Amino acid sequence: MNATAPPTVPLRARLPVAVFSLFSKIENRLVGDGSRLFAPRSVADLVPDAQTIEVAPVRTKHTDSLPQGAIDRIRRYDLDVIIRFGFRILRGDILNLPRYGVWSLHHGDNRVNRGQPAAFWEVMLQQPTTGVTLQKLDTTLDGGTVLDRVLIPTHKTSVKRNRLELYAAGVPLIARALRKLHDGGAGAFFDEASAHARVPGFYSYPQYSTPRNAHALGLLARHALRLSARNPRSRRAPKTVGHLFYSLGPGLERRMHKYRMLRPPDGRSWTHPCAVAHEGRHYIFFEDASLSTGRTIVSLLEIEDGRAAADDRVALERPYDVSHPFVFQHGETWYMIADSRARRTVELYECAGFPEGWTLSKVLLQDVEVTGCVVLHHRGRWYLFGNVPEKTPASNAQPLVYHSADLHVDTFAALAPSVVHTGRSGSLMAGGFFTWDGALFRPSRRAAEEASGIDINRVLELSPASYREETTDAILPEWRADLVAATTLTSAGRLTVAGALVRS
């Protein structure tokens, strides 16, 4: 369904917002127009036999509605979903026509930002995150049923960059929601959506609109002052190096200020640690990266009497990069899982003489973009959790879950995304599972709206049919002033290890 182009805005309506318009043109010239995101695409490229209905909406000052003839034509198709693109505020019978509603992307977190322009007020007000919301439209402005949402860290120096990053982050939401509706059914899909809405939902912020000239001048003057006050180097993301932090005590150490830091040699970064306990001794396996070449291997350290017993040494080196080591024992045999993004594989290694002597046993997953894998043997079955590609925004990401009856024989089968229900962040793996007070927990990379930290999630259900968890706790990078992010938590025996990024 195509809408005819809206009428040209008259000059008398453009003059009151001329300052904002000029600012937008300057940013477009400096940053670029994001042409790949906004390049016109025909639905016929994806669905060659798609039928098109040309519609001339009935327009008011701010809204569009469809004439009755168009409504009658659309009704004949008995549609499940209509996705709104290109129209302004949509009103009228069209909202109740498709079986599961009219869906629309609102480029703003409707809990704190309703109105327009997209991704502008978050920069001007220096809000920590900018959101995009997928809604089932109703007659209230930005008040429809929320079907999905993603948040990204606000790009606090550029409205245009913030907007482009937001638009890219919102693209997967519609496909993900349609897949979830198809896989789980309408009942479960809308039950989950309505469960999130069972609160009054007070909105304590203005209804935002394009700032008029005097207001825009004040906003942009303050924005310019913030930019000029910044150290030029601080306008870029801070340079960071992975460090390891550990505690050797009676059990899981929850006081982060008690951890000791392990500093990598110059030119290297230590990330993604895995703690291991064996015959009364404690080891840390970790990804060891060269900052000059980007080459990654797996190294290890032994921790003894509260300190590193010796210098780090190589545990696994291949002709290609290997990363995200996860080491575990089953029976008498020690195993390591490591991934290679360049080869698109997740590999299983066996150890001939722990802690060294690793040989390739099996490729667990092939031709997939899965990283950071951990395994869990739970009630007689193997479960493999892995991260989605890093191009997915962290707050929108959720782990991929596979299961198998046998580590060596069976092919790992994937759980459908619609039956994987993660905690508050729903984000990437941040270390192996651990138990506390009889319960099973999963650490995950915390969502952008909170901080660059780790969520701790209690597992409520794990089976070949479903995975559910709830977020109960968090680790934030606040125990040292030079920390940028907490990335990993892992424990074994008396050893607890955290991975973190430190400003270099």
Protein backbone atom coordinates (compact mmCIF):
# COMPACT_ATOMS: atom_id res chain seq x y z
CA MET A 1 0.00 0.00 0.00
CA ASN A 2 1.59 3.26 -1.14
CA ALA A 3 0.55 6.69 0.06
CA THR A 4 0.79 9.65 -2.24
CA ALA A 5 3.43 12.16 -1.20
CA PRO A 6 2.37 14.71 1.42
CA PRO A 7 1.92 18.27 0.23
CA THR A 8 4.86 20.64 0.36
CA VAL A 9 5.11 22.48 3.67
CA PRO A 10 4.46 26.19 3.00
CA LEU A 11 7.15 28.75 3.76
CA ARG A 12 5.19 30.35 6.62
CA ALA A 13 5.19 26.97 8.41
CA ARG A 14 8.92 26.41 7.81
CA LEU A 15 10.16 29.79 9.05
CA PRO A 16 9.47 29.22 12.80
CA VAL A 17 11.74 26.12 12.75
CA ALA A 18 14.35 27.50 10.32
CA VAL A 19 17.17 27.25 12.89
CA PHE A 20 16.52 23.56 13.40
CA SER A 21 16.32 23.01 9.64
CA LEU A 22 19.64 24.79 9.08
CA PHE A 23 21.28 22.76 11.86
CA SER A 24 19.99 19.55 10.25
CA LYS A 25 21.37 20.51 6.84
CA ILE A 26 24.79 21.27 8.33
CA GLU A 27 24.90 17.92 10.14
CA ASN A 28 23.81 16.11 6.97
CA ARG A 29 26.69 17.73 5.11
CA LEU A 30 29.21 16.86 7.85
CA VAL A 31 28.04 13.32 8.65
CA GLY A 32 26.38 12.15 5.44
CA ASP A 33 22.82 11.23 4.68
CA GLY A 34 22.95 7.50 5.47
CA SER A 35 21.94 6.77 1.89
CA ARG A 36 22.17 3.00 2.28
CA LEU A 37 19.59 3.08 5.06
CA PHE A 38 17.25 5.34 3.12
CA ALA A 39 17.68 3.99 -0.40
CA PRO A 40 14.23 3.23 -1.88
CA ARG A 41 13.46 -0.49 -2.10
CA SER A 42 10.52 -2.05 -3.86
CA VAL A 43 8.56 -4.77 -2.09
CA ALA A 44 8.47 -6.49 -5.48
CA ASP A 45 12.19 -7.22 -5.05
CA LEU A 46 11.30 -9.49 -2.13
CA VAL A 47 7.82 -10.62 -3.18
CA PRO A 48 7.60 -10.54 -6.99
CA ASP A 49 3.83 -11.09 -7.09
CA ALA A 50 3.04 -8.47 -4.44
CA GLN A 51 -0.02 -6.38 -5.23
CA THR A 52 0.01 -2.62 -4.76
CA ILE A 53 -2.81 -0.32 -3.78
CA GLU A 54 -2.25 3.39 -4.42
CA VAL A 55 -3.93 5.44 -1.70
CA ALA A 56 -4.58 9.17 -1.41
CA PRO A 57 -5.00 9.66 2.37
CA VAL A 58 -7.51 12.04 3.83
CA ARG A 59 -5.25 14.56 5.55
CA THR A 60 -5.69 16.87 8.48
CA LYS A 61 -2.95 19.08 9.94
CA HIS A 62 -1.16 16.15 11.62
CA THR A 63 -3.00 12.93 10.70
CA ASP A 64 -3.75 10.62 7.79
CA SER A 65 -6.78 8.38 7.37
CA LEU A 66 -7.83 6.17 4.47
CA PRO A 67 -10.98 6.72 2.39
CA GLN A 68 -13.69 4.09 2.69
CA GLY A 69 -13.02 2.74 -0.81
CA ALA A 70 -9.43 1.92 0.13
CA ILE A 71 -10.57 0.32 3.39
CA ASP A 72 -12.98 -1.94 1.51
CA ARG A 73 -10.28 -3.01 -0.97
CA ILE A 74 -7.79 -3.81 1.80
CA ARG A 75 -10.39 -5.75 3.79
CA ARG A 76 -10.69 -8.32 0.97
CA TYR A 77 -7.12 -9.49 1.60
CA ASP A 78 -7.92 -10.62 5.18
CA LEU A 79 -4.50 -9.43 6.40
CA ASP A 80 -2.80 -10.54 9.60
CA VAL A 81 -0.58 -7.46 10.04
CA ILE A 82 -0.18 -4.09 8.37
CA ILE A 83 3.16 -2.32 8.83
CA ARG A 84 3.06 1.45 8.70
CA PHE A 85 5.71 3.20 6.63
CA GLY A 86 5.53 6.71 5.20
CA PHE A 87 2.21 7.82 6.66
CA ARG A 88 1.94 10.46 9.33
CA ILE A 89 -0.20 9.82 12.44
CA LEU A 90 -2.61 7.14 11.24
CA ARG A 91 -6.25 7.33 12.26
CA GLY A 92 -9.53 5.66 11.35
CA ASP A 93 -10.83 2.18 10.54
CA ILE A 94 -7.50 0.97 9.18
CA LEU A 95 -6.25 0.50 12.77
CA ASN A 96 -8.79 -2.27 13.39
CA LEU A 97 -8.63 -3.90 9.96
CA PRO A 98 -5.78 -6.47 10.18
CA ARG A 99 -6.18 -9.44 12.50
CA TYR A 100 -3.15 -8.55 14.64
CA GLY A 101 -3.16 -4.82 14.16
CA VAL A 102 -1.18 -2.08 12.44
CA TRP A 103 2.45 -2.12 13.56
CA SER A 104 4.72 0.91 13.53
CA LEU A 105 8.26 1.80 14.56
CA HIS A 106 8.44 4.81 16.87
CA HIS A 107 11.99 6.13 16.91
CA GLY A 108 12.06 6.99 20.59
CA ASP A 109 11.72 5.19 23.91
CA ASN A 110 8.05 5.94 24.54
CA ARG A 111 8.57 5.70 28.30
CA VAL A 112 10.64 8.90 28.28
CA ASN A 113 10.33 10.40 24.79
CA ARG A 114 7.13 10.91 22.82
CA GLY A 115 6.94 13.14 19.80
CA GLN A 116 9.66 14.35 17.46
CA PRO A 117 12.26 14.91 16.01
CA ALA A 118 13.72 11.41 16.21
CA ALA A 119 16.99 11.07 18.18
CA PHE A 120 17.24 14.85 18.68
CA TRP A 121 16.09 15.49 22.23
CA GLU A 122 18.18 12.64 23.62
CA VAL A 123 21.32 14.44 22.41
CA MET A 124 20.19 17.90 23.47
CA LEU A 125 19.22 16.65 26.95
CA GLN A 126 22.24 14.31 27.15
CA GLN A 127 20.06 11.32 27.96
CA PRO A 128 22.13 8.13 28.35
CA THR A 129 20.13 6.07 25.84
CA THR A 130 18.03 6.53 22.73
CA GLY A 131 15.30 4.04 21.94
CA VAL A 132 13.15 2.69 19.16
CA THR A 133 9.81 1.06 19.98
CA LEU A 134 7.70 -1.31 17.90
CA GLN A 135 4.05 -0.65 18.69
CA LYS A 136 0.64 -1.95 17.73
CA LEU A 137 -1.07 1.33 16.98
CA ASP A 138 -4.24 2.55 18.66
CA THR A 139 -5.89 5.96 18.80
CA THR A 140 -3.49 7.39 21.42
CA LEU A 141 -0.33 9.16 20.31
CA ASP A 142 2.68 6.92 21.04
CA GLY A 143 0.51 4.97 23.47
CA GLY A 144 -0.10 1.74 21.57
CA THR A 145 0.77 -1.74 22.80
CA VAL A 146 4.55 -2.14 22.92
CA LEU A 147 5.60 -5.28 21.02
CA ASP A 148 9.38 -4.81 21.26
CA ARG A 149 11.95 -2.18 22.10
CA VAL A 150 15.68 -1.64 21.69
CA LEU A 151 17.92 0.94 23.33
CA ILE A 152 21.31 2.18 22.17
CA PRO A 153 23.82 4.43 23.96
CA THR A 154 23.12 8.00 22.90
CA HIS A 155 25.74 9.49 20.59
CA LYS A 156 26.00 12.63 22.68
CA THR A 157 27.95 14.77 20.19
CA SER A 158 25.93 14.34 16.99
CA VAL A 159 22.19 14.18 16.36
CA LYS A 160 22.69 12.78 12.88
CA ARG A 161 24.99 9.98 14.01
CA ASN A 162 22.61 9.20 16.85
CA ARG A 163 19.73 9.02 14.40
CA LEU A 164 21.52 6.79 11.90
CA GLU A 165 22.60 4.37 14.62
CA LEU A 166 19.04 4.32 15.97
CA TYR A 167 17.47 3.63 12.58
CA ALA A 168 19.89 0.75 11.99
CA ALA A 169 19.12 -0.69 15.43
CA GLY A 170 15.38 -0.66 14.76
CA VAL A 171 15.49 -2.56 11.48
CA PRO A 172 15.44 -6.09 12.99
CA LEU A 173 12.51 -5.44 15.33
CA ILE A 174 9.69 -6.06 12.85
CA ALA A 175 11.14 -9.31 11.49
CA ARG A 176 11.84 -10.54 15.02
CA ALA A 177 8.30 -9.81 16.20
CA LEU A 178 6.72 -11.45 13.13
CA ARG A 179 8.85 -14.55 13.68
CA LYS A 180 7.87 -14.63 17.34
CA LEU A 181 4.18 -14.28 16.46
CA HIS A 182 4.46 -17.08 13.90
CA ASP A 183 6.45 -19.47 16.11
CA GLY A 184 4.62 -18.96 19.39
CA GLY A 185 1.11 -18.09 18.26
CA ALA A 186 -0.97 -14.99 18.82
CA GLY A 187 -2.08 -15.93 22.33
CA ALA A 188 1.41 -16.21 23.78
CA PHE A 189 2.67 -13.25 21.74
CA PHE A 190 0.07 -10.77 22.95
CA ASP A 191 -0.03 -12.20 26.48
CA GLU A 192 3.65 -11.35 26.80
CA ALA A 193 3.07 -7.87 25.36
CA SER A 194 0.14 -7.18 27.68
CA ALA A 195 2.06 -8.47 30.72
CA HIS A 196 4.53 -5.62 30.30
CA ALA A 197 1.63 -3.18 30.11
CA ARG A 198 -0.02 -4.18 33.41
CA VAL A 199 1.14 -1.01 35.13
CA PRO A 200 -0.42 2.47 35.06
CA GLY A 201 2.36 3.66 32.76
CA PHE A 202 2.68 7.28 33.92
CA TYR A 203 4.56 9.46 31.45
CA SER A 204 6.34 12.33 33.22
CA TYR A 205 7.96 14.12 30.28
CA PRO A 206 6.78 16.72 27.70
CA GLN A 207 5.22 15.84 24.39
CA TYR A 208 8.29 16.76 22.35
CA SER A 209 8.13 18.63 19.05
CA THR A 210 10.50 20.38 16.67
CA PRO A 211 11.96 23.33 18.61
CA ARG A 212 11.03 26.78 17.39
CA ASN A 213 13.82 29.20 16.55
CA ALA A 214 14.45 30.85 19.92
CA HIS A 215 14.32 27.53 21.75
CA ALA A 216 16.55 25.89 19.13
CA LEU A 217 19.17 28.63 19.45
CA GLY A 218 19.38 28.07 23.20
CA LEU A 219 19.61 24.30 22.83
CA LEU A 220 22.28 24.47 20.13
CA ALA A 221 24.31 27.09 22.03
CA ARG A 222 24.49 24.79 25.05
CA HIS A 223 25.35 21.88 22.76
CA ALA A 224 28.19 23.86 21.20
CA LEU A 225 29.54 24.78 24.64
CA ARG A 226 29.57 21.12 25.66
CA LEU A 227 31.50 20.20 22.52
CA SER A 228 34.05 22.99 22.97
CA ALA A 229 34.59 22.03 26.61
CA ARG A 230 35.49 18.48 25.71
CA ASN A 231 39.04 17.32 25.34
CA PRO A 232 39.32 16.46 21.62
CA ARG A 233 40.42 12.94 22.49
CA SER A 234 37.34 12.40 24.63
CA ARG A 235 35.07 12.86 21.64
CA ARG A 236 36.05 9.42 20.53
CA ALA A 237 35.29 6.25 22.42
CA PRO A 238 37.94 5.80 25.12
CA LYS A 239 40.78 3.46 24.30
CA THR A 240 40.53 0.42 26.51
CA VAL A 241 42.57 -2.66 27.35
CA GLY A 242 41.19 -5.86 28.80
CA HIS A 243 42.35 -6.65 32.34
CA LEU A 244 41.56 -9.55 34.66
CA PHE A 245 40.46 -9.21 38.28
CA TYR A 246 40.41 -12.15 40.67
CA SER A 247 39.67 -13.23 44.22
CA LEU A 248 40.86 -16.44 45.86
CA GLY A 249 38.72 -17.06 48.90
CA PRO A 250 36.17 -19.39 50.46
CA GLY A 251 33.67 -19.04 47.60
CA LEU A 252 32.06 -16.65 45.14
CA GLU A 253 33.35 -13.18 46.04
CA ARG A 254 30.61 -10.57 45.65
CA ARG A 255 32.55 -7.52 46.89
CA MET A 256 34.23 -6.30 43.75
CA HIS A 257 36.62 -3.95 45.60
CA LYS A 258 38.23 -7.07 47.09
CA TYR A 259 39.43 -8.29 43.70
CA ARG A 260 43.09 -8.02 42.68
CA MET A 261 44.02 -6.81 39.22
CA LEU A 262 46.13 -8.77 36.72
CA ARG A 263 47.66 -6.32 34.27
CA PRO A 264 48.59 -7.61 30.79
CA PRO A 265 52.00 -6.83 29.30
CA ASP A 266 52.26 -3.72 27.13
CA GLY A 267 50.70 -4.22 23.72
CA ARG A 268 48.33 -6.99 24.81
CA SER A 269 44.75 -7.23 26.02
CA TRP A 270 43.35 -9.99 28.24
CA THR A 271 39.63 -10.67 27.95
CA HIS A 272 36.96 -13.38 28.29
CA PRO A 273 38.46 -15.28 31.24
CA CYS A 274 37.39 -18.77 32.32
CA ALA A 275 38.18 -19.90 35.88
CA VAL A 276 39.17 -23.55 36.41
CA ALA A 277 39.86 -25.57 39.58
CA HIS A 278 41.73 -28.90 39.33
CA GLU A 279 43.26 -31.03 42.08
CA GLY A 280 43.42 -28.12 44.51
CA ARG A 281 45.01 -25.74 42.00
CA HIS A 282 43.38 -22.79 40.26
CA TYR A 283 43.84 -21.51 36.71
CA ILE A 284 42.57 -18.71 34.51
CA PHE A 285 42.24 -19.37 30.77
CA PHE A 286 41.65 -16.22 28.73
CA GLU A 287 41.66 -14.66 25.29
CA ASP A 288 45.05 -13.02 24.70
CA ALA A 289 45.08 -10.40 21.92
CA SER A 290 47.93 -8.45 20.35
CA LEU A 291 46.91 -4.80 20.15
CA SER A 292 49.20 -4.21 17.18
CA THR A 293 48.15 -7.13 14.97
CA GLY A 294 44.77 -8.15 16.42
CA ARG A 295 45.98 -11.76 16.58
CA THR A 296 44.26 -13.79 19.33
CA ILE A 297 45.34 -16.97 21.13
CA VAL A 298 44.31 -18.64 24.37
CA SER A 299 46.69 -18.17 27.31
CA LEU A 300 46.58 -19.29 30.93
CA LEU A 301 47.75 -18.22 34.37
CA GLU A 302 47.92 -20.25 37.56
CA ILE A 303 46.76 -18.49 40.74
CA GLU A 304 48.49 -19.65 43.91
CA ASP A 305 48.33 -18.20 47.44
CA GLY A 306 46.45 -15.16 46.22
CA ARG A 307 48.84 -14.27 43.39
CA ALA A 308 49.85 -15.36 39.91
CA ALA A 309 52.24 -18.29 40.40
CA ALA A 310 54.21 -17.52 37.21
CA ASP A 311 54.03 -15.56 33.96
CA ASP A 312 51.24 -16.31 31.53
CA ARG A 313 51.83 -19.10 29.02
CA VAL A 314 50.18 -20.24 25.81
CA ALA A 315 47.40 -22.81 26.20
CA LEU A 316 46.06 -22.92 22.62
CA GLU A 317 47.43 -21.40 19.44
CA ARG A 318 46.15 -22.17 15.96
CA PRO A 319 47.04 -20.92 12.46
CA TYR A 320 43.89 -18.80 12.78
CA ASP A 321 42.51 -16.64 15.61
CA VAL A 322 40.86 -18.47 18.50
CA SER A 323 38.90 -16.69 21.19
CA HIS A 324 36.36 -16.97 24.05
CA PRO A 325 37.82 -20.07 25.74
CA PHE A 326 35.47 -22.08 27.94
CA VAL A 327 37.12 -24.95 29.84
CA PHE A 328 35.21 -27.72 31.63
CA GLN A 329 35.58 -31.29 32.82
CA HIS A 330 33.27 -34.21 32.08
CA GLY A 331 34.17 -37.54 33.61
CA GLU A 332 37.96 -37.75 33.60
CA THR A 333 38.41 -35.63 30.48
CA TRP A 334 39.05 -31.90 30.24
CA TYR A 335 37.53 -30.01 27.30
CA MET A 336 37.85 -26.51 25.88
CA ILE A 337 35.42 -24.74 23.60
CA ALA A 338 36.87 -21.91 21.50
CA ASP A 339 35.46 -20.07 18.51
CA SER A 340 36.97 -18.70 15.35
CA ARG A 341 34.97 -15.90 13.75
CA ALA A 342 37.13 -15.97 10.62
CA ARG A 343 36.30 -19.65 10.05
CA ARG A 344 32.71 -19.34 11.36
CA THR A 345 33.22 -22.34 13.63
CA VAL A 346 32.85 -23.33 17.27
CA GLU A 347 35.43 -26.00 18.10
CA LEU A 348 35.75 -28.59 20.88
CA TYR A 349 39.25 -29.50 22.12
CA GLU A 350 40.42 -32.30 24.44
CA CYS A 351 43.37 -32.06 26.79
CA ALA A 352 46.06 -34.74 26.94
CA GLY A 353 47.95 -33.31 29.93
CA PHE A 354 46.07 -30.63 31.81
CA PRO A 355 46.44 -27.67 31.70
CA GLU A 356 48.27 -27.88 28.34
CA GLY A 357 48.25 -30.25 25.40
CA TRP A 358 44.95 -29.39 23.67
CA THR A 359 43.96 -31.13 20.44
CA LEU A 360 40.93 -30.57 18.23
CA SER A 361 38.22 -33.15 18.92
CA LYS A 362 35.20 -31.92 16.99
CA VAL A 363 33.65 -28.91 15.28
CA LEU A 364 30.48 -28.36 17.27
CA LEU A 365 29.00 -25.64 15.05
CA GLN A 366 30.00 -24.77 11.51
CA ASP A 367 29.09 -21.93 9.13
CA VAL A 368 27.50 -19.91 11.92
CA GLU A 369 28.30 -16.56 13.51
CA VAL A 370 28.25 -17.60 17.16
CA THR A 371 30.82 -16.47 19.70
CA GLY A 372 31.41 -16.64 23.43
CA CYS A 373 29.99 -20.14 23.76
CA VAL A 374 29.57 -21.90 27.11
CA VAL A 375 28.17 -25.37 27.75
CA LEU A 376 26.13 -26.72 30.62
CA HIS A 377 25.34 -30.36 31.41
CA HIS A 378 21.88 -30.18 32.93
CA ARG A 379 19.63 -33.12 33.82
CA GLY A 380 21.40 -35.49 31.45
CA ARG A 381 21.48 -33.16 28.46
CA TRP A 382 24.05 -30.78 27.02
CA TYR A 383 23.15 -27.13 26.42
CA LEU A 384 25.31 -24.73 24.45
CA PHE A 385 24.72 -20.99 24.80
CA GLY A 386 26.38 -18.54 22.40
CA ASN A 387 26.36 -14.89 21.44
CA VAL A 388 24.72 -13.47 18.37
CA PRO A 389 26.95 -11.43 16.02
CA GLU A 390 28.36 -8.25 17.54
CA LYS A 391 26.60 -6.09 14.95
CA THR A 392 23.40 -6.67 16.92
CA PRO A 393 22.94 -3.90 19.50
CA ALA A 394 23.64 -5.28 22.94
CA SER A 395 20.28 -4.29 24.34
CA ASN A 396 18.54 -6.06 21.47
CA ALA A 397 20.63 -9.20 21.57
CA GLN A 398 19.77 -12.50 23.21
CA PRO A 399 21.79 -15.71 23.38
CA LEU A 400 21.39 -18.53 20.91
CA VAL A 401 20.65 -21.80 22.71
CA TYR A 402 21.45 -25.27 21.39
CA HIS A 403 20.96 -28.69 22.97
CA SER A 404 22.14 -32.25 22.40
CA ALA A 405 21.96 -35.62 24.16
CA ASP A 406 25.66 -36.30 23.55
CA LEU A 407 28.62 -33.96 23.38
CA HIS A 408 30.40 -36.03 20.73
CA VAL A 409 27.73 -37.73 18.63
CA ASP A 410 24.59 -35.69 18.21
CA THR A 411 24.25 -32.53 16.21
CA PHE A 412 23.31 -29.61 18.42
CA ALA A 413 19.72 -28.48 17.73
CA ALA A 414 18.71 -24.85 18.24
CA LEU A 415 15.89 -23.69 20.46
CA ALA A 416 13.51 -21.39 18.60
CA PRO A 417 14.05 -17.73 19.58
CA SER A 418 10.39 -17.53 20.60
CA VAL A 419 10.96 -19.95 23.52
CA VAL A 420 14.11 -18.22 24.81
CA HIS A 421 13.00 -15.67 27.40
CA THR A 422 15.95 -13.78 28.87
CA GLY A 423 16.15 -11.41 31.80
CA ARG A 424 16.06 -7.63 31.87
CA SER A 425 18.95 -7.16 29.46
CA GLY A 426 18.35 -10.18 27.24
CA SER A 427 21.91 -9.68 26.14
CA LEU A 428 25.15 -11.46 25.41
CA MET A 429 26.83 -14.21 27.39
CA ALA A 430 29.24 -12.91 30.01
CA GLY A 431 30.71 -16.12 31.40
CA GLY A 432 29.63 -19.60 32.40
CA PHE A 433 26.68 -20.60 34.56
CA PHE A 434 27.19 -20.82 38.32
CA THR A 435 25.17 -21.93 41.33
CA TRP A 436 24.37 -19.91 44.43
CA ASP A 437 22.22 -21.07 47.32
CA GLY A 438 20.98 -24.02 45.27
CA ALA A 439 19.90 -21.94 42.26
CA LEU A 440 21.45 -21.71 38.79
CA PHE A 441 22.52 -18.32 37.45
CA ARG A 442 23.66 -16.94 34.07
CA PRO A 443 25.77 -13.76 33.78
CA SER A 444 25.01 -11.57 30.77
CA ARG A 445 26.28 -8.29 29.33
CA ARG A 446 24.06 -5.62 30.79
CA ALA A 447 21.80 -3.55 28.53
CA ALA A 448 22.81 -0.08 27.42
CA GLU A 449 20.12 1.69 29.41
CA GLU A 450 21.69 0.50 32.65
CA ALA A 451 25.47 0.69 32.27
CA SER A 452 28.34 -1.22 30.73
CA GLY A 453 28.08 -3.98 33.28
CA ILE A 454 26.88 -7.52 33.90
CA ASP A 455 23.39 -8.71 34.75
CA ILE A 456 23.02 -11.76 36.97
CA ASN A 457 20.02 -13.86 35.90
CA ARG A 458 18.38 -16.69 37.87
CA VAL A 459 17.43 -19.62 35.61
CA LEU A 460 13.77 -20.50 36.03
CA GLU A 461 13.41 -23.16 33.33
CA LEU A 462 15.85 -24.99 31.07
CA SER A 463 14.70 -27.82 28.81
CA PRO A 464 14.77 -28.75 25.11
CA ALA A 465 11.44 -26.91 24.85
CA SER A 466 12.07 -23.66 26.71
CA TYR A 467 14.51 -21.36 28.51
CA ARG A 468 13.39 -18.73 31.02
CA GLU A 469 15.27 -16.53 33.48
CA GLU A 470 14.80 -13.44 35.62
CA THR A 471 17.35 -10.72 36.37
CA THR A 472 18.17 -10.50 40.07
CA ASP A 473 21.44 -8.60 40.44
CA ALA A 474 24.14 -6.71 38.59
CA ILE A 475 27.86 -5.93 38.56
CA LEU A 476 28.76 -2.39 37.49
CA PRO A 477 32.24 -1.02 36.64
CA GLU A 478 32.35 1.19 39.70
CA TRP A 479 34.98 -0.43 41.90
CA ARG A 480 37.84 1.46 40.19
CA ALA A 481 37.86 4.94 38.65
CA ASP A 482 39.58 3.77 35.44
CA LEU A 483 37.04 1.11 34.54
CA VAL A 484 34.94 1.49 31.40
CA ALA A 485 33.00 -1.80 31.41
CA ALA A 486 32.64 -5.05 33.31
CA THR A 487 32.41 -7.83 30.74
CA THR A 488 32.78 -11.31 32.27
CA LEU A 489 32.20 -13.20 35.52
CA THR A 490 33.47 -16.75 36.06
CA SER A 491 34.16 -18.91 39.10
CA ALA A 492 35.51 -22.35 40.02
CA GLY A 493 36.49 -23.74 43.43
CA ARG A 494 37.86 -20.88 45.51
CA LEU A 495 38.63 -18.69 42.47
CA THR A 496 36.36 -15.95 41.14
CA VAL A 497 37.46 -13.92 38.11
CA ALA A 498 36.01 -10.83 36.45
CA GLY A 499 36.97 -9.43 33.07
CA ALA A 500 36.86 -5.68 32.63
CA LEU A 501 37.92 -2.96 30.20
CA VAL A 502 40.29 -0.35 31.62
CA ARG A 503 41.14 3.01 30.09
CA SER A 504 44.58 2.87 28.58
